[in-house]
Amino acid sequence: MENKRLNLQLIVKALVLVVIIIVLWWLLFTEKDNHVGLEVNDSIGVTPEQIQSIRDVGEWEFLSISDEELVDTVRKGLFTDDHLVRIYYGTLRLGVDLRKTKKGWIKTQGDTVVVTLPKVGLLDKDFIDEARTKAFYESGKWTARDREALYRKARRRMLAHALTPQNLQSAEDNADVQFRRMMKAMGYNNITVTFEK
């Protein structure tokens, strides 16, 4: 009886072995187009949600310039001259307005993400702090129109001092650094940042 049991176990083991051999032969020789493997994809993709969240930042300041201008005007009179001297304070903010980005401003090329930013410029046209403006010296009668002319003169001077090639380049350099940091934080390693001309 025990002999029969051993023979039966040997037959079952032989059958299992034959089935395994048949399955392996079938997999190896009849299904040559099917294979399992791993492939590395070096390309990266920026999702539309990521692009929109960056764009939603709006204005991004990269350089702030505080300025103080002493501006005067003189009106010649017959016996005396009238003087109006005021001190104006302002903070000019240079950066990019991400709402002005064009379609495809962030795209991937192979394993590189390319960011094209709007031109760096003045973010706020009302940069003079009128609450801090001080009358330094005033003699004679001056109209609101005279004060407006003095304000415009101070504004022109501040713009001339702030919008220099050096300051614009410094803001661009800061933008480049900040965008590279942000893209690295999002998982991208090869980053190119350019600016519209």
N, C-alpha and C. Protein backbone atom coordinates (compact mmCIF):
# COMPACT_ATOMS: atom_id res chain seq x y z
N MET A 1 0.82 -1.17 0.00
CA MET A 1 0.00 0.00 0.00
C MET A 1 0.87 1.25 0.00
N GLU A 2 1.90 1.16 0.80
CA GLU A 2 2.79 2.31 0.85
C GLU A 2 3.54 2.46 -0.46
N ASN A 3 3.80 1.43 -1.11
CA ASN A 3 4.47 1.46 -2.41
C ASN A 3 3.59 2.17 -3.43
N LYS A 4 2.32 1.85 -3.37
CA LYS A 4 1.38 2.50 -4.30
C LYS A 4 1.32 4.01 -4.03
N ARG A 5 1.34 4.38 -2.75
CA ARG A 5 1.29 5.80 -2.38
C ARG A 5 2.52 6.52 -2.90
N LEU A 6 3.70 5.91 -2.78
CA LEU A 6 4.94 6.52 -3.28
C LEU A 6 4.90 6.64 -4.79
N ASN A 7 4.41 5.63 -5.45
CA ASN A 7 4.29 5.70 -6.91
C ASN A 7 3.33 6.81 -7.33
N LEU A 8 2.24 6.95 -6.62
CA LEU A 8 1.27 8.00 -6.93
C LEU A 8 1.89 9.38 -6.73
N GLN A 9 2.66 9.56 -5.67
CA GLN A 9 3.32 10.85 -5.43
C GLN A 9 4.34 11.15 -6.53
N LEU A 10 5.05 10.12 -6.98
CA LEU A 10 6.03 10.31 -8.05
C LEU A 10 5.33 10.69 -9.35
N ILE A 11 4.21 10.07 -9.59
CA ILE A 11 3.45 10.39 -10.82
C ILE A 11 2.95 11.82 -10.77
N VAL A 12 2.44 12.27 -9.61
CA VAL A 12 1.94 13.66 -9.47
C VAL A 12 3.09 14.64 -9.65
N LYS A 13 4.22 14.37 -9.03
CA LYS A 13 5.39 15.25 -9.17
C LYS A 13 5.86 15.30 -10.62
N ALA A 14 5.84 14.18 -11.30
CA ALA A 14 6.25 14.14 -12.71
C ALA A 14 5.28 14.92 -13.56
N LEU A 15 3.98 14.79 -13.30
CA LEU A 15 2.97 15.55 -14.05
C LEU A 15 3.14 17.07 -13.82
N VAL A 16 3.36 17.46 -12.58
CA VAL A 16 3.56 18.90 -12.27
C VAL A 16 4.79 19.40 -13.01
N LEU A 17 5.86 18.61 -13.00
CA LEU A 17 7.08 18.99 -13.70
C LEU A 17 6.84 19.11 -15.20
N VAL A 18 6.10 18.19 -15.78
CA VAL A 18 5.78 18.24 -17.21
C VAL A 18 4.95 19.50 -17.52
N VAL A 19 3.97 19.82 -16.69
CA VAL A 19 3.13 21.01 -16.90
C VAL A 19 4.00 22.27 -16.83
N ILE A 20 4.90 22.33 -15.88
CA ILE A 20 5.78 23.51 -15.76
C ILE A 20 6.66 23.63 -17.00
N ILE A 21 7.20 22.53 -17.47
CA ILE A 21 8.05 22.55 -18.66
C ILE A 21 7.25 23.02 -19.88
N ILE A 22 6.03 22.53 -20.02
CA ILE A 22 5.17 22.93 -21.16
C ILE A 22 4.86 24.42 -21.09
N VAL A 23 4.52 24.92 -19.91
CA VAL A 23 4.20 26.36 -19.76
C VAL A 23 5.43 27.20 -20.08
N LEU A 24 6.57 26.81 -19.57
CA LEU A 24 7.79 27.57 -19.85
C LEU A 24 8.14 27.53 -21.34
N TRP A 25 8.03 26.37 -21.94
CA TRP A 25 8.31 26.26 -23.38
C TRP A 25 7.36 27.15 -24.18
N TRP A 26 6.09 27.15 -23.79
CA TRP A 26 5.09 27.96 -24.48
C TRP A 26 5.41 29.45 -24.32
N LEU A 27 5.77 29.87 -23.11
CA LEU A 27 6.10 31.28 -22.87
C LEU A 27 7.36 31.70 -23.63
N LEU A 28 8.35 30.84 -23.66
CA LEU A 28 9.62 31.21 -24.29
C LEU A 28 9.58 31.16 -25.81
N PHE A 29 8.88 30.22 -26.37
CA PHE A 29 8.98 30.02 -27.81
C PHE A 29 7.77 30.45 -28.62
N THR A 30 6.63 30.63 -28.00
CA THR A 30 5.46 31.00 -28.81
C THR A 30 5.08 32.47 -28.65
N GLU A 31 5.43 33.13 -27.58
CA GLU A 31 5.05 34.53 -27.35
C GLU A 31 6.30 35.40 -27.31
N LYS A 32 7.03 35.49 -28.39
CA LYS A 32 8.29 36.23 -28.42
C LYS A 32 8.10 37.74 -28.33
N ASP A 33 6.92 38.26 -28.72
CA ASP A 33 6.69 39.71 -28.70
C ASP A 33 6.34 40.22 -27.30
N ASN A 34 5.93 39.35 -26.43
CA ASN A 34 5.58 39.77 -25.07
C ASN A 34 6.82 39.73 -24.21
N HIS A 35 7.07 40.84 -23.53
CA HIS A 35 8.19 40.87 -22.60
C HIS A 35 7.91 41.87 -21.50
N VAL A 36 8.56 41.67 -20.42
CA VAL A 36 8.43 42.57 -19.28
C VAL A 36 9.80 43.19 -19.06
N GLY A 37 9.81 44.49 -18.88
CA GLY A 37 11.07 45.16 -18.65
C GLY A 37 10.84 46.55 -18.10
N LEU A 38 11.89 47.17 -17.69
CA LEU A 38 11.83 48.54 -17.18
C LEU A 38 12.53 49.46 -18.15
N GLU A 39 11.90 50.59 -18.38
CA GLU A 39 12.52 51.62 -19.21
C GLU A 39 12.62 52.89 -18.41
N VAL A 40 13.69 53.63 -18.62
CA VAL A 40 13.89 54.90 -17.93
C VAL A 40 13.46 56.01 -18.86
N ASN A 41 12.57 56.87 -18.36
CA ASN A 41 12.10 58.01 -19.14
C ASN A 41 12.72 59.25 -18.53
N ASP A 42 13.68 59.85 -19.24
CA ASP A 42 14.38 61.02 -18.73
C ASP A 42 13.61 62.31 -18.95
N SER A 43 12.55 62.27 -19.74
CA SER A 43 11.82 63.50 -20.00
C SER A 43 10.96 63.86 -18.80
N ILE A 44 10.76 65.16 -18.63
CA ILE A 44 9.94 65.65 -17.53
C ILE A 44 8.80 66.45 -18.11
N GLY A 45 7.78 66.60 -17.35
CA GLY A 45 6.64 67.36 -17.84
C GLY A 45 6.13 68.29 -16.76
N VAL A 46 5.78 69.49 -17.15
CA VAL A 46 5.21 70.45 -16.22
C VAL A 46 3.71 70.40 -16.43
N THR A 47 2.98 70.19 -15.36
CA THR A 47 1.53 70.06 -15.48
C THR A 47 0.89 71.43 -15.66
N PRO A 48 -0.27 71.48 -16.31
CA PRO A 48 -0.98 72.76 -16.44
C PRO A 48 -1.30 73.38 -15.08
N GLU A 49 -1.55 72.56 -14.08
CA GLU A 49 -1.85 73.08 -12.74
C GLU A 49 -0.64 73.79 -12.15
N GLN A 50 0.55 73.21 -12.36
CA GLN A 50 1.77 73.85 -11.85
C GLN A 50 1.99 75.19 -12.55
N ILE A 51 1.81 75.21 -13.86
CA ILE A 51 2.00 76.46 -14.62
C ILE A 51 1.02 77.52 -14.14
N GLN A 52 -0.23 77.15 -13.94
CA GLN A 52 -1.24 78.12 -13.50
C GLN A 52 -0.95 78.63 -12.10
N SER A 53 -0.50 77.76 -11.21
CA SER A 53 -0.22 78.20 -9.84
C SER A 53 0.94 79.18 -9.82
N ILE A 54 1.93 78.99 -10.69
CA ILE A 54 3.04 79.94 -10.76
C ILE A 54 2.54 81.26 -11.34
N ARG A 55 1.73 81.17 -12.38
CA ARG A 55 1.21 82.38 -13.04
C ARG A 55 0.33 83.19 -12.10
N ASP A 56 -0.38 82.49 -11.20
CA ASP A 56 -1.28 83.17 -10.26
C ASP A 56 -0.55 84.03 -9.25
N VAL A 57 0.76 83.87 -9.16
CA VAL A 57 1.54 84.73 -8.26
C VAL A 57 1.34 86.20 -8.66
N GLY A 58 1.17 86.45 -9.95
CA GLY A 58 0.96 87.82 -10.45
C GLY A 58 2.29 88.55 -10.54
N GLU A 59 2.36 89.69 -9.87
CA GLU A 59 3.59 90.47 -9.89
C GLU A 59 4.59 89.88 -8.91
N TRP A 60 5.82 89.71 -9.40
CA TRP A 60 6.87 89.15 -8.56
C TRP A 60 8.03 90.13 -8.54
N GLU A 61 8.27 90.71 -7.38
CA GLU A 61 9.31 91.74 -7.22
C GLU A 61 10.68 91.09 -7.03
N PHE A 62 11.67 91.62 -7.76
CA PHE A 62 13.03 91.09 -7.65
C PHE A 62 14.04 92.15 -7.23
N LEU A 63 13.64 93.41 -7.21
CA LEU A 63 14.53 94.47 -6.74
C LEU A 63 13.67 95.65 -6.30
N SER A 64 13.98 96.18 -5.13
CA SER A 64 13.26 97.33 -4.58
C SER A 64 14.26 98.46 -4.37
N ILE A 65 13.92 99.64 -4.87
CA ILE A 65 14.82 100.79 -4.79
C ILE A 65 14.11 101.93 -4.07
N SER A 66 14.64 102.31 -2.92
CA SER A 66 14.09 103.45 -2.19
C SER A 66 14.82 104.70 -2.63
N ASP A 67 14.05 105.75 -2.88
CA ASP A 67 14.65 106.99 -3.38
C ASP A 67 14.07 108.18 -2.63
N GLU A 68 14.88 109.20 -2.54
CA GLU A 68 14.49 110.45 -1.90
C GLU A 68 14.97 111.58 -2.82
N GLU A 69 14.06 112.44 -3.21
CA GLU A 69 14.41 113.52 -4.14
C GLU A 69 14.02 114.88 -3.55
N LEU A 70 14.98 115.78 -3.55
CA LEU A 70 14.73 117.16 -3.18
C LEU A 70 14.54 117.92 -4.49
N VAL A 71 13.32 118.45 -4.69
CA VAL A 71 12.98 119.09 -5.95
C VAL A 71 12.52 120.51 -5.66
N ASP A 72 12.98 121.44 -6.49
CA ASP A 72 12.60 122.84 -6.26
C ASP A 72 12.23 123.52 -7.56
N THR A 73 11.56 124.63 -7.39
CA THR A 73 11.24 125.50 -8.53
C THR A 73 11.27 126.94 -8.02
N VAL A 74 11.61 127.83 -8.92
CA VAL A 74 11.71 129.25 -8.58
C VAL A 74 10.89 130.03 -9.60
N ARG A 75 10.12 130.98 -9.08
CA ARG A 75 9.38 131.88 -9.96
C ARG A 75 9.93 133.29 -9.71
N LYS A 76 10.50 133.85 -10.78
CA LYS A 76 11.12 135.17 -10.66
C LYS A 76 10.03 136.23 -10.53
N GLY A 77 10.23 137.12 -9.59
CA GLY A 77 9.29 138.21 -9.38
C GLY A 77 9.98 139.56 -9.59
N LEU A 78 9.21 140.60 -9.56
CA LEU A 78 9.75 141.94 -9.76
C LEU A 78 10.65 142.34 -8.60
N PHE A 79 10.17 142.09 -7.37
CA PHE A 79 10.95 142.48 -6.20
C PHE A 79 11.57 141.28 -5.49
N THR A 80 10.82 140.17 -5.47
CA THR A 80 11.32 138.96 -4.80
C THR A 80 11.00 137.75 -5.67
N ASP A 81 11.73 136.69 -5.39
CA ASP A 81 11.48 135.42 -6.09
C ASP A 81 10.67 134.51 -5.17
N ASP A 82 9.78 133.74 -5.77
CA ASP A 82 9.01 132.75 -5.01
C ASP A 82 9.72 131.41 -5.15
N HIS A 83 9.80 130.68 -4.05
CA HIS A 83 10.48 129.39 -4.02
C HIS A 83 9.52 128.31 -3.53
N LEU A 84 9.64 127.15 -4.15
CA LEU A 84 8.89 125.98 -3.69
C LEU A 84 9.87 124.81 -3.72
N VAL A 85 10.14 124.27 -2.52
CA VAL A 85 11.08 123.16 -2.39
C VAL A 85 10.38 122.06 -1.61
N ARG A 86 10.37 120.85 -2.19
CA ARG A 86 9.72 119.72 -1.53
C ARG A 86 10.64 118.50 -1.56
N ILE A 87 10.44 117.63 -0.59
CA ILE A 87 11.17 116.37 -0.54
C ILE A 87 10.16 115.25 -0.81
N TYR A 88 10.48 114.43 -1.80
CA TYR A 88 9.61 113.31 -2.18
C TYR A 88 10.32 112.00 -1.85
N TYR A 89 9.55 111.05 -1.35
CA TYR A 89 10.05 109.71 -1.04
C TYR A 89 9.30 108.70 -1.90
N GLY A 90 10.03 107.73 -2.36
CA GLY A 90 9.37 106.70 -3.17
C GLY A 90 10.12 105.37 -3.12
N THR A 91 9.39 104.31 -3.39
CA THR A 91 9.97 102.98 -3.49
C THR A 91 9.57 102.39 -4.83
N LEU A 92 10.55 102.18 -5.68
CA LEU A 92 10.31 101.64 -7.02
C LEU A 92 10.60 100.15 -6.98
N ARG A 93 9.63 99.37 -7.39
CA ARG A 93 9.75 97.91 -7.36
C ARG A 93 9.92 97.39 -8.78
N LEU A 94 11.03 96.68 -9.01
CA LEU A 94 11.29 96.10 -10.33
C LEU A 94 11.05 94.60 -10.26
N GLY A 95 10.41 94.07 -11.28
CA GLY A 95 10.13 92.65 -11.32
C GLY A 95 9.40 92.27 -12.59
N VAL A 96 8.70 91.14 -12.53
CA VAL A 96 7.93 90.67 -13.69
C VAL A 96 6.48 90.48 -13.28
N ASP A 97 5.59 90.73 -14.24
CA ASP A 97 4.17 90.47 -14.04
C ASP A 97 3.87 89.16 -14.75
N LEU A 98 3.69 88.11 -13.97
CA LEU A 98 3.48 86.78 -14.55
C LEU A 98 2.16 86.66 -15.29
N ARG A 99 1.26 87.61 -15.08
CA ARG A 99 0.00 87.59 -15.84
C ARG A 99 0.24 87.95 -17.31
N LYS A 100 1.42 88.49 -17.60
CA LYS A 100 1.76 88.86 -18.98
C LYS A 100 2.52 87.75 -19.71
N THR A 101 2.63 86.59 -19.10
CA THR A 101 3.33 85.49 -19.77
C THR A 101 2.55 85.05 -21.00
N LYS A 102 3.29 84.57 -21.99
CA LYS A 102 2.69 84.12 -23.24
C LYS A 102 2.51 82.61 -23.21
N LYS A 103 1.67 82.11 -24.08
CA LYS A 103 1.42 80.68 -24.16
C LYS A 103 2.74 79.94 -24.37
N GLY A 104 2.92 78.86 -23.62
CA GLY A 104 4.14 78.08 -23.73
C GLY A 104 5.32 78.69 -23.00
N TRP A 105 5.08 79.55 -22.03
CA TRP A 105 6.17 80.21 -21.32
C TRP A 105 6.97 79.25 -20.45
N ILE A 106 6.36 78.13 -20.08
CA ILE A 106 7.09 77.06 -19.42
C ILE A 106 6.89 75.81 -20.28
N LYS A 107 8.01 75.25 -20.75
CA LYS A 107 7.90 74.03 -21.56
C LYS A 107 9.12 73.17 -21.31
N THR A 108 8.97 71.90 -21.68
CA THR A 108 10.08 70.97 -21.51
C THR A 108 10.66 70.63 -22.86
N GLN A 109 11.97 70.48 -22.87
CA GLN A 109 12.72 70.03 -24.05
C GLN A 109 13.65 68.94 -23.58
N GLY A 110 13.20 67.69 -23.78
CA GLY A 110 13.99 66.57 -23.27
C GLY A 110 13.97 66.58 -21.76
N ASP A 111 15.14 66.63 -21.13
CA ASP A 111 15.22 66.66 -19.68
C ASP A 111 15.40 68.07 -19.12
N THR A 112 15.13 69.08 -19.94
CA THR A 112 15.30 70.48 -19.54
C THR A 112 13.95 71.20 -19.53
N VAL A 113 13.73 72.01 -18.50
CA VAL A 113 12.55 72.86 -18.46
C VAL A 113 13.01 74.26 -18.85
N VAL A 114 12.29 74.87 -19.81
CA VAL A 114 12.64 76.20 -20.32
C VAL A 114 11.56 77.18 -19.87
N VAL A 115 11.98 78.23 -19.17
CA VAL A 115 11.07 79.25 -18.66
C VAL A 115 11.37 80.55 -19.39
N THR A 116 10.34 81.14 -20.03
CA THR A 116 10.50 82.44 -20.70
C THR A 116 9.63 83.44 -19.96
N LEU A 117 10.28 84.37 -19.28
CA LEU A 117 9.59 85.36 -18.45
C LEU A 117 9.37 86.66 -19.21
N PRO A 118 8.33 87.42 -18.81
CA PRO A 118 8.16 88.75 -19.39
C PRO A 118 9.36 89.63 -19.03
N LYS A 119 9.52 90.69 -19.78
CA LYS A 119 10.61 91.63 -19.55
C LYS A 119 10.49 92.23 -18.15
N VAL A 120 11.62 92.38 -17.47
CA VAL A 120 11.65 93.01 -16.15
C VAL A 120 11.32 94.49 -16.32
N GLY A 121 10.47 95.00 -15.44
CA GLY A 121 10.10 96.40 -15.51
C GLY A 121 9.55 96.90 -14.19
N LEU A 122 9.07 98.12 -14.22
CA LEU A 122 8.48 98.76 -13.05
C LEU A 122 7.11 98.14 -12.78
N LEU A 123 6.89 97.67 -11.55
CA LEU A 123 5.64 96.99 -11.22
C LEU A 123 4.52 97.95 -10.82
N ASP A 124 4.87 99.07 -10.22
CA ASP A 124 3.85 100.01 -9.73
C ASP A 124 4.18 101.41 -10.20
N LYS A 125 3.30 101.99 -10.96
CA LYS A 125 3.54 103.33 -11.49
C LYS A 125 3.34 104.42 -10.43
N ASP A 126 2.62 104.13 -9.37
CA ASP A 126 2.39 105.09 -8.29
C ASP A 126 3.34 104.77 -7.13
N PHE A 127 4.60 105.07 -7.33
CA PHE A 127 5.63 104.68 -6.36
C PHE A 127 5.99 105.79 -5.39
N ILE A 128 5.53 107.02 -5.60
CA ILE A 128 5.84 108.11 -4.67
C ILE A 128 4.87 108.03 -3.50
N ASP A 129 5.43 108.06 -2.29
CA ASP A 129 4.63 108.02 -1.08
C ASP A 129 4.25 109.46 -0.72
N GLU A 130 3.07 109.85 -1.15
CA GLU A 130 2.65 111.25 -0.95
C GLU A 130 2.44 111.59 0.51
N ALA A 131 2.16 110.60 1.34
CA ALA A 131 1.98 110.86 2.77
C ALA A 131 3.30 111.29 3.41
N ARG A 132 4.41 110.87 2.86
CA ARG A 132 5.73 111.23 3.41
C ARG A 132 6.31 112.47 2.73
N THR A 133 5.69 112.97 1.67
CA THR A 133 6.19 114.15 0.98
C THR A 133 6.17 115.34 1.94
N LYS A 134 7.28 116.07 1.95
CA LYS A 134 7.39 117.20 2.88
C LYS A 134 7.68 118.49 2.12
N ALA A 135 7.05 119.55 2.58
CA ALA A 135 7.39 120.88 2.07
C ALA A 135 8.64 121.32 2.82
N PHE A 136 9.73 121.49 2.10
CA PHE A 136 10.99 121.86 2.73
C PHE A 136 11.07 123.38 2.90
N TYR A 137 10.67 124.07 1.84
CA TYR A 137 10.66 125.54 1.90
C TYR A 137 9.63 126.04 0.89
N GLU A 138 8.87 127.03 1.32
CA GLU A 138 7.85 127.58 0.42
C GLU A 138 7.69 129.07 0.69
N SER A 139 7.81 129.85 -0.37
CA SER A 139 7.55 131.29 -0.27
C SER A 139 6.73 131.70 -1.48
N GLY A 140 5.77 132.56 -1.28
CA GLY A 140 4.91 132.97 -2.38
C GLY A 140 3.67 132.09 -2.45
N LYS A 141 2.89 132.33 -3.48
CA LYS A 141 1.65 131.57 -3.67
C LYS A 141 1.84 130.57 -4.79
N TRP A 142 1.50 129.31 -4.48
CA TRP A 142 1.65 128.24 -5.45
C TRP A 142 0.32 127.52 -5.61
N THR A 143 0.01 127.16 -6.83
CA THR A 143 -1.25 126.49 -7.13
C THR A 143 -1.07 124.97 -7.11
N ALA A 144 -2.19 124.27 -7.17
CA ALA A 144 -2.16 122.80 -7.25
C ALA A 144 -1.45 122.37 -8.53
N ARG A 145 -1.58 123.16 -9.57
CA ARG A 145 -0.91 122.86 -10.84
C ARG A 145 0.61 122.95 -10.69
N ASP A 146 1.08 123.95 -9.94
CA ASP A 146 2.52 124.09 -9.69
C ASP A 146 3.05 122.90 -8.90
N ARG A 147 2.29 122.48 -7.89
CA ARG A 147 2.70 121.33 -7.09
C ARG A 147 2.70 120.05 -7.92
N GLU A 148 1.74 119.91 -8.84
CA GLU A 148 1.69 118.75 -9.73
C GLU A 148 2.92 118.72 -10.64
N ALA A 149 3.33 119.87 -11.14
CA ALA A 149 4.52 119.95 -11.99
C ALA A 149 5.77 119.52 -11.21
N LEU A 150 5.85 119.92 -9.95
CA LEU A 150 6.98 119.53 -9.10
C LEU A 150 6.95 118.02 -8.84
N TYR A 151 5.76 117.48 -8.63
CA TYR A 151 5.59 116.04 -8.43
C TYR A 151 6.08 115.26 -9.67
N ARG A 152 5.69 115.70 -10.85
CA ARG A 152 6.11 115.04 -12.09
C ARG A 152 7.63 115.11 -12.27
N LYS A 153 8.23 116.23 -11.87
CA LYS A 153 9.68 116.39 -11.95
C LYS A 153 10.37 115.38 -11.02
N ALA A 154 9.86 115.23 -9.80
CA ALA A 154 10.41 114.26 -8.86
C ALA A 154 10.25 112.84 -9.40
N ARG A 155 9.11 112.57 -10.00
CA ARG A 155 8.84 111.24 -10.56
C ARG A 155 9.84 110.90 -11.68
N ARG A 156 10.08 111.86 -12.57
CA ARG A 156 11.03 111.64 -13.66
C ARG A 156 12.43 111.35 -13.12
N ARG A 157 12.83 112.09 -12.10
CA ARG A 157 14.16 111.87 -11.50
C ARG A 157 14.28 110.49 -10.88
N MET A 158 13.23 110.08 -10.16
CA MET A 158 13.25 108.76 -9.53
C MET A 158 13.33 107.66 -10.58
N LEU A 159 12.57 107.81 -11.65
CA LEU A 159 12.61 106.81 -12.72
C LEU A 159 14.01 106.75 -13.34
N ALA A 160 14.61 107.92 -13.55
CA ALA A 160 15.95 107.95 -14.15
C ALA A 160 16.97 107.27 -13.24
N HIS A 161 16.83 107.44 -11.92
CA HIS A 161 17.77 106.83 -10.99
C HIS A 161 17.52 105.32 -10.82
N ALA A 162 16.28 104.89 -10.97
CA ALA A 162 15.95 103.48 -10.70
C ALA A 162 16.06 102.59 -11.93
N LEU A 163 15.64 103.08 -13.08
CA LEU A 163 15.57 102.23 -14.27
C LEU A 163 16.89 102.26 -15.06
N THR A 164 17.97 102.06 -14.36
CA THR A 164 19.28 102.02 -15.00
C THR A 164 19.53 100.61 -15.55
N PRO A 165 20.39 100.47 -16.52
CA PRO A 165 20.73 99.12 -17.02
C PRO A 165 21.25 98.20 -15.91
N GLN A 166 21.99 98.76 -14.96
CA GLN A 166 22.54 97.95 -13.87
C GLN A 166 21.41 97.41 -12.97
N ASN A 167 20.45 98.27 -12.63
CA ASN A 167 19.34 97.83 -11.77
C ASN A 167 18.46 96.81 -12.49
N LEU A 168 18.19 97.05 -13.77
CA LEU A 168 17.37 96.10 -14.53
C LEU A 168 18.08 94.75 -14.63
N GLN A 169 19.41 94.77 -14.83
CA GLN A 169 20.17 93.52 -14.89
C GLN A 169 20.17 92.82 -13.54
N SER A 170 20.29 93.58 -12.47
CA SER A 170 20.26 93.00 -11.13
C SER A 170 18.92 92.32 -10.85
N ALA A 171 17.82 92.96 -11.26
CA ALA A 171 16.49 92.37 -11.08
C ALA A 171 16.36 91.10 -11.91
N GLU A 172 16.89 91.13 -13.14
CA GLU A 172 16.86 89.93 -14.00
C GLU A 172 17.65 88.79 -13.38
N ASP A 173 18.82 89.10 -12.84
CA ASP A 173 19.65 88.08 -12.19
C ASP A 173 18.93 87.46 -11.00
N ASN A 174 18.27 88.32 -10.20
CA ASN A 174 17.51 87.82 -9.05
C ASN A 174 16.35 86.94 -9.51
N ALA A 175 15.68 87.34 -10.58
CA ALA A 175 14.57 86.54 -11.12
C ALA A 175 15.08 85.18 -11.57
N ASP A 176 16.21 85.16 -12.24
CA ASP A 176 16.80 83.91 -12.71
C ASP A 176 17.07 82.97 -11.53
N VAL A 177 17.68 83.50 -10.48
CA VAL A 177 18.00 82.69 -9.30
C VAL A 177 16.73 82.15 -8.65
N GLN A 178 15.73 83.04 -8.47
CA GLN A 178 14.49 82.62 -7.80
C GLN A 178 13.74 81.55 -8.60
N PHE A 179 13.66 81.72 -9.92
CA PHE A 179 12.96 80.73 -10.73
C PHE A 179 13.71 79.40 -10.76
N ARG A 180 15.02 79.45 -10.79
CA ARG A 180 15.78 78.20 -10.74
C ARG A 180 15.52 77.46 -9.43
N ARG A 181 15.51 78.19 -8.32
CA ARG A 181 15.23 77.58 -7.02
C ARG A 181 13.84 76.95 -7.00
N MET A 182 12.86 77.68 -7.53
CA MET A 182 11.49 77.17 -7.53
C MET A 182 11.38 75.90 -8.38
N MET A 183 12.00 75.91 -9.57
CA MET A 183 11.93 74.73 -10.44
C MET A 183 12.67 73.54 -9.81
N LYS A 184 13.79 73.81 -9.13
CA LYS A 184 14.51 72.72 -8.45
C LYS A 184 13.64 72.15 -7.34
N ALA A 185 12.93 73.01 -6.61
CA ALA A 185 12.04 72.55 -5.54
C ALA A 185 10.90 71.70 -6.10
N MET A 186 10.53 71.93 -7.35
CA MET A 186 9.48 71.15 -8.00
C MET A 186 10.03 69.86 -8.60
N GLY A 187 11.35 69.66 -8.50
CA GLY A 187 11.94 68.40 -8.95
C GLY A 187 12.68 68.46 -10.27
N TYR A 188 12.87 69.64 -10.82
CA TYR A 188 13.57 69.76 -12.11
C TYR A 188 15.02 70.15 -11.86
N ASN A 189 15.92 69.54 -12.62
CA ASN A 189 17.35 69.81 -12.41
C ASN A 189 17.96 70.65 -13.53
N ASN A 190 17.56 70.44 -14.76
CA ASN A 190 18.10 71.20 -15.89
C ASN A 190 17.11 72.31 -16.23
N ILE A 191 17.52 73.55 -15.95
CA ILE A 191 16.59 74.67 -16.06
C ILE A 191 17.24 75.77 -16.89
N THR A 192 16.47 76.32 -17.84
CA THR A 192 16.91 77.48 -18.62
C THR A 192 15.89 78.59 -18.42
N VAL A 193 16.37 79.77 -18.00
CA VAL A 193 15.49 80.92 -17.80
C VAL A 193 15.90 82.01 -18.77
N THR A 194 14.94 82.50 -19.56
CA THR A 194 15.19 83.60 -20.48
C THR A 194 14.11 84.66 -20.27
N PHE A 195 14.35 85.83 -20.84
CA PHE A 195 13.42 86.95 -20.72
C PHE A 195 13.03 87.45 -22.10
N GLU A 196 11.77 87.86 -22.22
CA GLU A 196 11.32 88.45 -23.48
C GLU A 196 12.06 89.76 -23.67
N LYS A 197 12.30 90.10 -24.90
CA LYS A 197 13.00 91.37 -25.19
C LYS A 197 12.01 92.43 -25.59
